[in-house]
Amino acid sequence: MQIAEVIGRVVSTIKHPSMDGWRLLIAQPLGIRGQDDGDPIIVIDELGSGRGDKVIITSDGKHVQVMVKVENSPVRFATLGIVDK
């Protein structure tokens, strides 16, 4: 798990079927001091996160497979929670 900041959203007309119905967000992973930690990533979101929100993300493939209910989904990252302000 890692903290990230939502910096945008993704709109896609063609995507893997396991992504249908999911909100896709662009999240910037953050380091321990709040600095950028690597490149932005695409995450699926079911929490209603928006631009500027700090979120907890996971790269646990098994958890994401359970979320999307597809064993061979290419989705790797998902939001787990929104950090209180």
PDB file of N, CA and C in Angstrom:
ATOM      1  N   MET A   1       0.836  -1.174   0.000  1.00  0.00           N
ATOM      2  CA  MET A   1       0.000   0.000   0.000  1.00  0.00           C
ATOM      3  C   MET A   1       0.881   1.237   0.000  1.00  0.00           C
ATOM      4  N   GLN A   2       0.333   2.282  -0.622  1.00  0.00           N
ATOM      5  CA  GLN A   2       1.071   3.529  -0.731  1.00  0.00           C
ATOM      6  C   GLN A   2       0.074   4.674  -0.838  1.00  0.00           C
ATOM      7  N   ILE A   3       0.508   5.848  -0.419  1.00  0.00           N
ATOM      8  CA  ILE A   3      -0.308   7.047  -0.569  1.00  0.00           C
ATOM      9  C   ILE A   3      -0.032   7.626  -1.952  1.00  0.00           C
ATOM     10  N   ALA A   4      -1.088   8.135  -2.596  1.00  0.00           N
ATOM     11  CA  ALA A   4      -0.951   8.784  -3.894  1.00  0.00           C
ATOM     12  C   ALA A   4      -1.919   9.951  -3.954  1.00  0.00           C
ATOM     13  N   GLU A   5      -1.646  10.888  -4.846  1.00  0.00           N
ATOM     14  CA  GLU A   5      -2.560  12.012  -5.060  1.00  0.00           C
ATOM     15  C   GLU A   5      -3.210  11.860  -6.429  1.00  0.00           C
ATOM     16  N   VAL A   6      -4.528  11.997  -6.461  1.00  0.00           N
ATOM     17  CA  VAL A   6      -5.253  11.911  -7.727  1.00  0.00           C
ATOM     18  C   VAL A   6      -4.990  13.202  -8.492  1.00  0.00           C
ATOM     19  N   ILE A   7      -4.457  13.060  -9.716  1.00  0.00           N
ATOM     20  CA  ILE A   7      -4.119  14.245 -10.516  1.00  0.00           C
ATOM     21  C   ILE A   7      -4.967  14.351 -11.781  1.00  0.00           C
ATOM     22  N   GLY A   8      -5.828  13.383 -12.013  1.00  0.00           N
ATOM     23  CA  GLY A   8      -6.678  13.441 -13.197  1.00  0.00           C
ATOM     24  C   GLY A   8      -7.489  12.176 -13.359  1.00  0.00           C
ATOM     25  N   ARG A   9      -8.209  12.106 -14.476  1.00  0.00           N
ATOM     26  CA  ARG A   9      -8.977  10.909 -14.766  1.00  0.00           C
ATOM     27  C   ARG A   9      -8.711  10.469 -16.190  1.00  0.00           C
ATOM     28  N   VAL A  10      -9.047   9.229 -16.466  1.00  0.00           N
ATOM     29  CA  VAL A  10      -8.815   8.645 -17.777  1.00  0.00           C
ATOM     30  C   VAL A  10     -10.167   8.373 -18.423  1.00  0.00           C
ATOM     31  N   VAL A  11     -10.290   8.744 -19.687  1.00  0.00           N
ATOM     32  CA  VAL A  11     -11.473   8.406 -20.462  1.00  0.00           C
ATOM     33  C   VAL A  11     -11.010   7.508 -21.591  1.00  0.00           C
ATOM     34  N   SER A  12     -11.642   6.348 -21.704  1.00  0.00           N
ATOM     35  CA  SER A  12     -11.222   5.384 -22.715  1.00  0.00           C
ATOM     36  C   SER A  12     -12.446   4.771 -23.376  1.00  0.00           C
ATOM     37  N   THR A  13     -12.491   4.817 -24.696  1.00  0.00           N
ATOM     38  CA  THR A  13     -13.615   4.209 -25.410  1.00  0.00           C
ATOM     39  C   THR A  13     -13.378   2.731 -25.670  1.00  0.00           C
ATOM     40  N   ILE A  14     -12.117   2.342 -25.705  1.00  0.00           N
ATOM     41  CA  ILE A  14     -11.769   0.932 -25.901  1.00  0.00           C
ATOM     42  C   ILE A  14     -10.862   0.518 -24.761  1.00  0.00           C
ATOM     43  N   LYS A  15     -11.287  -0.525 -24.037  1.00  0.00           N
ATOM     44  CA  LYS A  15     -10.492  -0.998 -22.911  1.00  0.00           C
ATOM     45  C   LYS A  15     -10.801  -2.468 -22.675  1.00  0.00           C
ATOM     46  N   HIS A  16     -10.003  -3.104 -21.860  1.00  0.00           N
ATOM     47  CA  HIS A  16     -10.220  -4.506 -21.515  1.00  0.00           C
ATOM     48  C   HIS A  16     -11.603  -4.638 -20.871  1.00  0.00           C
ATOM     49  N   PRO A  17     -12.351  -5.688 -21.203  1.00  0.00           N
ATOM     50  CA  PRO A  17     -13.696  -5.858 -20.646  1.00  0.00           C
ATOM     51  C   PRO A  17     -13.756  -5.822 -19.117  1.00  0.00           C
ATOM     52  N   SER A  18     -12.695  -6.216 -18.443  1.00  0.00           N
ATOM     53  CA  SER A  18     -12.700  -6.206 -16.973  1.00  0.00           C
ATOM     54  C   SER A  18     -12.717  -4.786 -16.408  1.00  0.00           C
ATOM     55  N   MET A  19     -12.463  -3.775 -17.250  1.00  0.00           N
ATOM     56  CA  MET A  19     -12.464  -2.388 -16.800  1.00  0.00           C
ATOM     57  C   MET A  19     -13.804  -1.703 -17.023  1.00  0.00           C
ATOM     58  N   ASP A  20     -14.736  -2.377 -17.688  1.00  0.00           N
ATOM     59  CA  ASP A  20     -16.044  -1.777 -17.942  1.00  0.00           C
ATOM     60  C   ASP A  20     -16.735  -1.426 -16.634  1.00  0.00           C
ATOM     61  N   GLY A  21     -17.220  -0.205 -16.546  1.00  0.00           N
ATOM     62  CA  GLY A  21     -17.939   0.240 -15.363  1.00  0.00           C
ATOM     63  C   GLY A  21     -17.062   0.812 -14.260  1.00  0.00           C
ATOM     64  N   TRP A  22     -15.765   0.739 -14.408  1.00  0.00           N
ATOM     65  CA  TRP A  22     -14.850   1.254 -13.380  1.00  0.00           C
ATOM     66  C   TRP A  22     -14.391   2.659 -13.747  1.00  0.00           C
ATOM     67  N   ARG A  23     -14.281   3.516 -12.728  1.00  0.00           N
ATOM     68  CA  ARG A  23     -13.671   4.833 -12.917  1.00  0.00           C
ATOM     69  C   ARG A  23     -12.167   4.628 -12.973  1.00  0.00           C
ATOM     70  N   LEU A  24     -11.537   5.241 -13.933  1.00  0.00           N
ATOM     71  CA  LEU A  24     -10.090   5.157 -14.078  1.00  0.00           C
ATOM     72  C   LEU A  24      -9.497   6.526 -13.751  1.00  0.00           C
ATOM     73  N   LEU A  25      -8.558   6.538 -12.817  1.00  0.00           N
ATOM     74  CA  LEU A  25      -7.939   7.777 -12.369  1.00  0.00           C
ATOM     75  C   LEU A  25      -6.441   7.742 -12.612  1.00  0.00           C
ATOM     76  N   ILE A  26      -5.848   8.916 -12.737  1.00  0.00           N
ATOM     77  CA  ILE A  26      -4.390   9.050 -12.795  1.00  0.00           C
ATOM     78  C   ILE A  26      -3.953   9.460 -11.397  1.00  0.00           C
ATOM     79  N   ALA A  27      -3.071   8.670 -10.813  1.00  0.00           N
ATOM     80  CA  ALA A  27      -2.607   8.931  -9.450  1.00  0.00           C
ATOM     81  C   ALA A  27      -1.083   9.040  -9.433  1.00  0.00           C
ATOM     82  N   GLN A  28      -0.603  10.031  -8.704  1.00  0.00           N
ATOM     83  CA  GLN A  28       0.837  10.229  -8.522  1.00  0.00           C
ATOM     84  C   GLN A  28       1.237   9.637  -7.186  1.00  0.00           C
ATOM     85  N   PRO A  29       1.986   8.503  -7.198  1.00  0.00           N
ATOM     86  CA  PRO A  29       2.462   7.937  -5.928  1.00  0.00           C
ATOM     87  C   PRO A  29       3.345   8.949  -5.190  1.00  0.00           C
ATOM     88  N   LEU A  30       3.223   8.958  -3.863  1.00  0.00           N
ATOM     89  CA  LEU A  30       3.969   9.901  -3.039  1.00  0.00           C
ATOM     90  C   LEU A  30       4.900   9.160  -2.087  1.00  0.00           C
ATOM     91  N   GLY A  31       6.047   9.785  -1.833  1.00  0.00           N
ATOM     92  CA  GLY A  31       7.004   9.237  -0.888  1.00  0.00           C
ATOM     93  C   GLY A  31       6.628   9.595   0.536  1.00  0.00           C
ATOM     94  N   ILE A  32       7.452   9.193   1.455  1.00  0.00           N
ATOM     95  CA  ILE A  32       7.167   9.370   2.880  1.00  0.00           C
ATOM     96  C   ILE A  32       7.060  10.845   3.289  1.00  0.00           C
ATOM     97  N   ARG A  33       7.724  11.730   2.566  1.00  0.00           N
ATOM     98  CA  ARG A  33       7.676  13.164   2.880  1.00  0.00           C
ATOM     99  C   ARG A  33       6.717  13.927   1.957  1.00  0.00           C
ATOM    100  N   GLY A  34       5.917  13.198   1.186  1.00  0.00           N
ATOM    101  CA  GLY A  34       4.938  13.824   0.304  1.00  0.00           C
ATOM    102  C   GLY A  34       5.456  14.180  -1.073  1.00  0.00           C
ATOM    103  N   GLN A  35       6.712  13.824  -1.363  1.00  0.00           N
ATOM    104  CA  GLN A  35       7.291  14.119  -2.668  1.00  0.00           C
ATOM    105  C   GLN A  35       6.861  13.057  -3.682  1.00  0.00           C
ATOM    106  N   ASP A  36       6.899  13.397  -4.986  1.00  0.00           N
ATOM    107  CA  ASP A  36       6.583  12.422  -6.029  1.00  0.00           C
ATOM    108  C   ASP A  36       7.503  11.215  -5.902  1.00  0.00           C
ATOM    109  N   ASP A  37       6.935  10.048  -6.093  1.00  0.00           N
ATOM    110  CA  ASP A  37       7.694   8.796  -5.984  1.00  0.00           C
ATOM    111  C   ASP A  37       7.440   7.969  -7.250  1.00  0.00           C
ATOM    112  N   GLY A  38       8.134   8.317  -8.311  1.00  0.00           N
ATOM    113  CA  GLY A  38       7.963   7.603  -9.579  1.00  0.00           C
ATOM    114  C   GLY A  38       6.964   8.304 -10.485  1.00  0.00           C
ATOM    115  N   ASP A  39       6.618   7.621 -11.557  1.00  0.00           N
ATOM    116  CA  ASP A  39       5.704   8.165 -12.553  1.00  0.00           C
ATOM    117  C   ASP A  39       4.251   7.989 -12.129  1.00  0.00           C
ATOM    118  N   PRO A  40       3.347   8.835 -12.646  1.00  0.00           N
ATOM    119  CA  PRO A  40       1.922   8.644 -12.377  1.00  0.00           C
ATOM    120  C   PRO A  40       1.450   7.290 -12.917  1.00  0.00           C
ATOM    121  N   ILE A  41       0.406   6.746 -12.290  1.00  0.00           N
ATOM    122  CA  ILE A  41      -0.133   5.452 -12.683  1.00  0.00           C
ATOM    123  C   ILE A  41      -1.644   5.558 -12.847  1.00  0.00           C
ATOM    124  N   ILE A  42      -2.217   4.585 -13.534  1.00  0.00           N
ATOM    125  CA  ILE A  42      -3.663   4.513 -13.680  1.00  0.00           C
ATOM    126  C   ILE A  42      -4.191   3.535 -12.640  1.00  0.00           C
ATOM    127  N   VAL A  43      -5.209   3.965 -11.900  1.00  0.00           N
ATOM    128  CA  VAL A  43      -5.815   3.122 -10.866  1.00  0.00           C
ATOM    129  C   VAL A  43      -7.315   3.025 -11.108  1.00  0.00           C
ATOM    130  N   ILE A  44      -7.917   1.906 -10.702  1.00  0.00           N
ATOM    131  CA  ILE A  44      -9.375   1.829 -10.726  1.00  0.00           C
ATOM    132  C   ILE A  44      -9.883   2.335  -9.390  1.00  0.00           C
ATOM    133  N   ASP A  45     -11.077   2.936  -9.419  1.00  0.00           N
ATOM    134  CA  ASP A  45     -11.602   3.566  -8.212  1.00  0.00           C
ATOM    135  C   ASP A  45     -13.086   3.286  -8.079  1.00  0.00           C
ATOM    136  N   GLU A  46     -13.494   2.870  -6.885  1.00  0.00           N
ATOM    137  CA  GLU A  46     -14.918   2.691  -6.603  1.00  0.00           C
ATOM    138  C   GLU A  46     -15.361   3.565  -5.439  1.00  0.00           C
ATOM    139  N   LEU A  47     -14.471   4.471  -5.014  1.00  0.00           N
ATOM    140  CA  LEU A  47     -14.729   5.278  -3.826  1.00  0.00           C
ATOM    141  C   LEU A  47     -15.239   6.679  -4.138  1.00  0.00           C
ATOM    142  N   GLY A  48     -15.179   7.077  -5.404  1.00  0.00           N
ATOM    143  CA  GLY A  48     -15.583   8.429  -5.766  1.00  0.00           C
ATOM    144  C   GLY A  48     -14.486   9.453  -5.547  1.00  0.00           C
ATOM    145  N   SER A  49     -13.246   9.016  -5.602  1.00  0.00           N
ATOM    146  CA  SER A  49     -12.107   9.922  -5.420  1.00  0.00           C
ATOM    147  C   SER A  49     -12.070  10.943  -6.556  1.00  0.00           C
ATOM    148  N   GLY A  50     -11.554  12.130  -6.237  1.00  0.00           N
ATOM    149  CA  GLY A  50     -11.456  13.184  -7.238  1.00  0.00           C
ATOM    150  C   GLY A  50     -10.107  13.848  -7.231  1.00  0.00           C
ATOM    151  N   ARG A  51      -9.905  14.719  -8.205  1.00  0.00           N
ATOM    152  CA  ARG A  51      -8.637  15.431  -8.347  1.00  0.00           C
ATOM    153  C   ARG A  51      -8.279  16.135  -7.038  1.00  0.00           C
ATOM    154  N   GLY A  52      -7.035  15.951  -6.617  1.00  0.00           N
ATOM    155  CA  GLY A  52      -6.549  16.566  -5.391  1.00  0.00           C
ATOM    156  C   GLY A  52      -6.687  15.696  -4.155  1.00  0.00           C
ATOM    157  N   ASP A  53      -7.488  14.642  -4.237  1.00  0.00           N
ATOM    158  CA  ASP A  53      -7.638  13.732  -3.092  1.00  0.00           C
ATOM    159  C   ASP A  53      -6.374  12.914  -2.900  1.00  0.00           C
ATOM    160  N   LYS A  54      -6.022  12.697  -1.655  1.00  0.00           N
ATOM    161  CA  LYS A  54      -4.955  11.753  -1.326  1.00  0.00           C
ATOM    162  C   LYS A  54      -5.643  10.408  -1.083  1.00  0.00           C
ATOM    163  N   VAL A  55      -5.144   9.375  -1.722  1.00  0.00           N
ATOM    164  CA  VAL A  55      -5.764   8.054  -1.629  1.00  0.00           C
ATOM    165  C   VAL A  55      -4.718   7.010  -1.237  1.00  0.00           C
ATOM    166  N   ILE A  56      -5.204   5.921  -0.705  1.00  0.00           N
ATOM    167  CA  ILE A  56      -4.353   4.764  -0.436  1.00  0.00           C
ATOM    168  C   ILE A  56      -4.544   3.836  -1.621  1.00  0.00           C
ATOM    169  N   ILE A  57      -3.436   3.440  -2.250  1.00  0.00           N
ATOM    170  CA  ILE A  57      -3.512   2.555  -3.407  1.00  0.00           C
ATOM    171  C   ILE A  57      -2.827   1.231  -3.096  1.00  0.00           C
ATOM    172  N   THR A  58      -3.211   0.222  -3.845  1.00  0.00           N
ATOM    173  CA  THR A  58      -2.588  -1.093  -3.706  1.00  0.00           C
ATOM    174  C   THR A  58      -2.185  -1.607  -5.077  1.00  0.00           C
ATOM    175  N   SER A  59      -1.122  -2.377  -5.103  1.00  0.00           N
ATOM    176  CA  SER A  59      -0.711  -3.064  -6.327  1.00  0.00           C
ATOM    177  C   SER A  59      -0.849  -4.573  -6.141  1.00  0.00           C
ATOM    178  N   ASP A  60      -1.644  -4.967  -5.158  1.00  0.00           N
ATOM    179  CA  ASP A  60      -1.879  -6.388  -4.876  1.00  0.00           C
ATOM    180  C   ASP A  60      -2.762  -6.972  -5.978  1.00  0.00           C
ATOM    181  N   GLY A  61      -2.157  -7.707  -6.882  1.00  0.00           N
ATOM    182  CA  GLY A  61      -2.865  -8.266  -8.031  1.00  0.00           C
ATOM    183  C   GLY A  61      -4.045  -9.139  -7.659  1.00  0.00           C
ATOM    184  N   LYS A  62      -3.921  -9.939  -6.626  1.00  0.00           N
ATOM    185  CA  LYS A  62      -5.013 -10.825  -6.215  1.00  0.00           C
ATOM    186  C   LYS A  62      -6.208 -10.011  -5.721  1.00  0.00           C
ATOM    187  N   HIS A  63      -5.949  -8.974  -4.946  1.00  0.00           N
ATOM    188  CA  HIS A  63      -7.033  -8.116  -4.463  1.00  0.00           C
ATOM    189  C   HIS A  63      -7.767  -7.468  -5.637  1.00  0.00           C
ATOM    190  N   VAL A  64      -7.015  -6.971  -6.608  1.00  0.00           N
ATOM    191  CA  VAL A  64      -7.621  -6.322  -7.768  1.00  0.00           C
ATOM    192  C   VAL A  64      -8.439  -7.332  -8.574  1.00  0.00           C
ATOM    193  N   GLN A  65      -7.934  -8.554  -8.743  1.00  0.00           N
ATOM    194  CA  GLN A  65      -8.688  -9.594  -9.451  1.00  0.00           C
ATOM    195  C   GLN A  65     -10.026  -9.862  -8.765  1.00  0.00           C
ATOM    196  N   VAL A  66     -10.026  -9.884  -7.446  1.00  0.00           N
ATOM    197  CA  VAL A  66     -11.269 -10.091  -6.699  1.00  0.00           C
ATOM    198  C   VAL A  66     -12.214  -8.908  -6.915  1.00  0.00           C
ATOM    199  N   MET A  67     -11.672  -7.686  -6.923  1.00  0.00           N
ATOM    200  CA  MET A  67     -12.495  -6.498  -7.134  1.00  0.00           C
ATOM    201  C   MET A  67     -13.200  -6.520  -8.486  1.00  0.00           C
ATOM    202  N   VAL A  68     -12.444  -6.837  -9.551  1.00  0.00           N
ATOM    203  CA  VAL A  68     -13.024  -6.783 -10.903  1.00  0.00           C
ATOM    204  C   VAL A  68     -13.683  -8.093 -11.303  1.00  0.00           C
ATOM    205  N   LYS A  69     -13.499  -9.128 -10.479  1.00  0.00           N
ATOM    206  CA  LYS A  69     -14.100 -10.447 -10.715  1.00  0.00           C
ATOM    207  C   LYS A  69     -13.656 -11.077 -12.030  1.00  0.00           C
ATOM    208  N   VAL A  70     -12.390 -10.799 -12.406  1.00  0.00           N
ATOM    209  CA  VAL A  70     -11.802 -11.387 -13.616  1.00  0.00           C
ATOM    210  C   VAL A  70     -10.387 -11.822 -13.274  1.00  0.00           C
ATOM    211  N   GLU A  71     -10.107 -13.094 -13.460  1.00  0.00           N
ATOM    212  CA  GLU A  71      -8.818 -13.635 -13.049  1.00  0.00           C
ATOM    213  C   GLU A  71      -7.645 -13.125 -13.883  1.00  0.00           C
ATOM    214  N   ASN A  72      -7.864 -12.856 -15.161  1.00  0.00           N
ATOM    215  CA  ASN A  72      -6.747 -12.444 -16.026  1.00  0.00           C
ATOM    216  C   ASN A  72      -6.819 -10.961 -16.396  1.00  0.00           C
ATOM    217  N   SER A  73      -7.350 -10.147 -15.513  1.00  0.00           N
ATOM    218  CA  SER A  73      -7.470  -8.711 -15.773  1.00  0.00           C
ATOM    219  C   SER A  73      -6.089  -8.059 -15.810  1.00  0.00           C
ATOM    220  N   PRO A  74      -5.885  -7.104 -16.725  1.00  0.00           N
ATOM    221  CA  PRO A  74      -4.607  -6.388 -16.763  1.00  0.00           C
ATOM    222  C   PRO A  74      -4.519  -5.277 -15.708  1.00  0.00           C
ATOM    223  N   VAL A  75      -5.587  -5.062 -14.947  1.00  0.00           N
ATOM    224  CA  VAL A  75      -5.584  -4.013 -13.928  1.00  0.00           C
ATOM    225  C   VAL A  75      -4.614  -4.394 -12.817  1.00  0.00           C
ATOM    226  N   ARG A  76      -3.761  -3.446 -12.441  1.00  0.00           N
ATOM    227  CA  ARG A  76      -2.792  -3.726 -11.384  1.00  0.00           C
ATOM    228  C   ARG A  76      -3.019  -2.894 -10.132  1.00  0.00           C
ATOM    229  N   PHE A  77      -3.477  -1.650 -10.295  1.00  0.00           N
ATOM    230  CA  PHE A  77      -3.599  -0.735  -9.158  1.00  0.00           C
ATOM    231  C   PHE A  77      -5.059  -0.384  -8.884  1.00  0.00           C
ATOM    232  N   ALA A  78      -5.389  -0.220  -7.605  1.00  0.00           N
ATOM    233  CA  ALA A  78      -6.739   0.162  -7.196  1.00  0.00           C
ATOM    234  C   ALA A  78      -6.660   1.037  -5.948  1.00  0.00           C
ATOM    235  N   THR A  79      -7.681   1.868  -5.756  1.00  0.00           N
ATOM    236  CA  THR A  79      -7.765   2.653  -4.537  1.00  0.00           C
ATOM    237  C   THR A  79      -8.386   1.803  -3.440  1.00  0.00           C
ATOM    238  N   LEU A  80      -7.888   1.968  -2.225  1.00  0.00           N
ATOM    239  CA  LEU A  80      -8.419   1.269  -1.063  1.00  0.00           C
ATOM    240  C   LEU A  80      -9.110   2.210  -0.097  1.00  0.00           C
ATOM    241  N   GLY A  81      -8.719   3.476  -0.115  1.00  0.00           N
ATOM    242  CA  GLY A  81      -9.300   4.424   0.820  1.00  0.00           C
ATOM    243  C   GLY A  81      -8.906   5.846   0.453  1.00  0.00           C
ATOM    244  N   ILE A  82      -9.651   6.791   1.011  1.00  0.00           N
ATOM    245  CA  ILE A  82      -9.353   8.206   0.838  1.00  0.00           C
ATOM    246  C   ILE A  82      -8.793   8.705   2.170  1.00  0.00           C
ATOM    247  N   VAL A  83      -7.666   9.394   2.103  1.00  0.00           N
ATOM    248  CA  VAL A  83      -7.008   9.900   3.307  1.00  0.00           C
ATOM    249  C   VAL A  83      -7.771  11.123   3.815  1.00  0.00           C
ATOM    250  N   ASP A  84      -8.082  11.139   5.130  1.00  0.00           N
ATOM    251  CA  ASP A  84      -8.753  12.291   5.747  1.00  0.00           C
ATOM    252  C   ASP A  84      -7.864  13.508   5.638  1.00  0.00           C
ATOM    253  N   LYS A  85      -8.491  14.649   5.487  1.00  0.00           N
ATOM    254  CA  LYS A  85      -7.729  15.903   5.377  1.00  0.00           C
ATOM    255  C   LYS A  85      -7.428  16.447   6.757  1.00  0.00           C
TER     256      LYS A  85
END
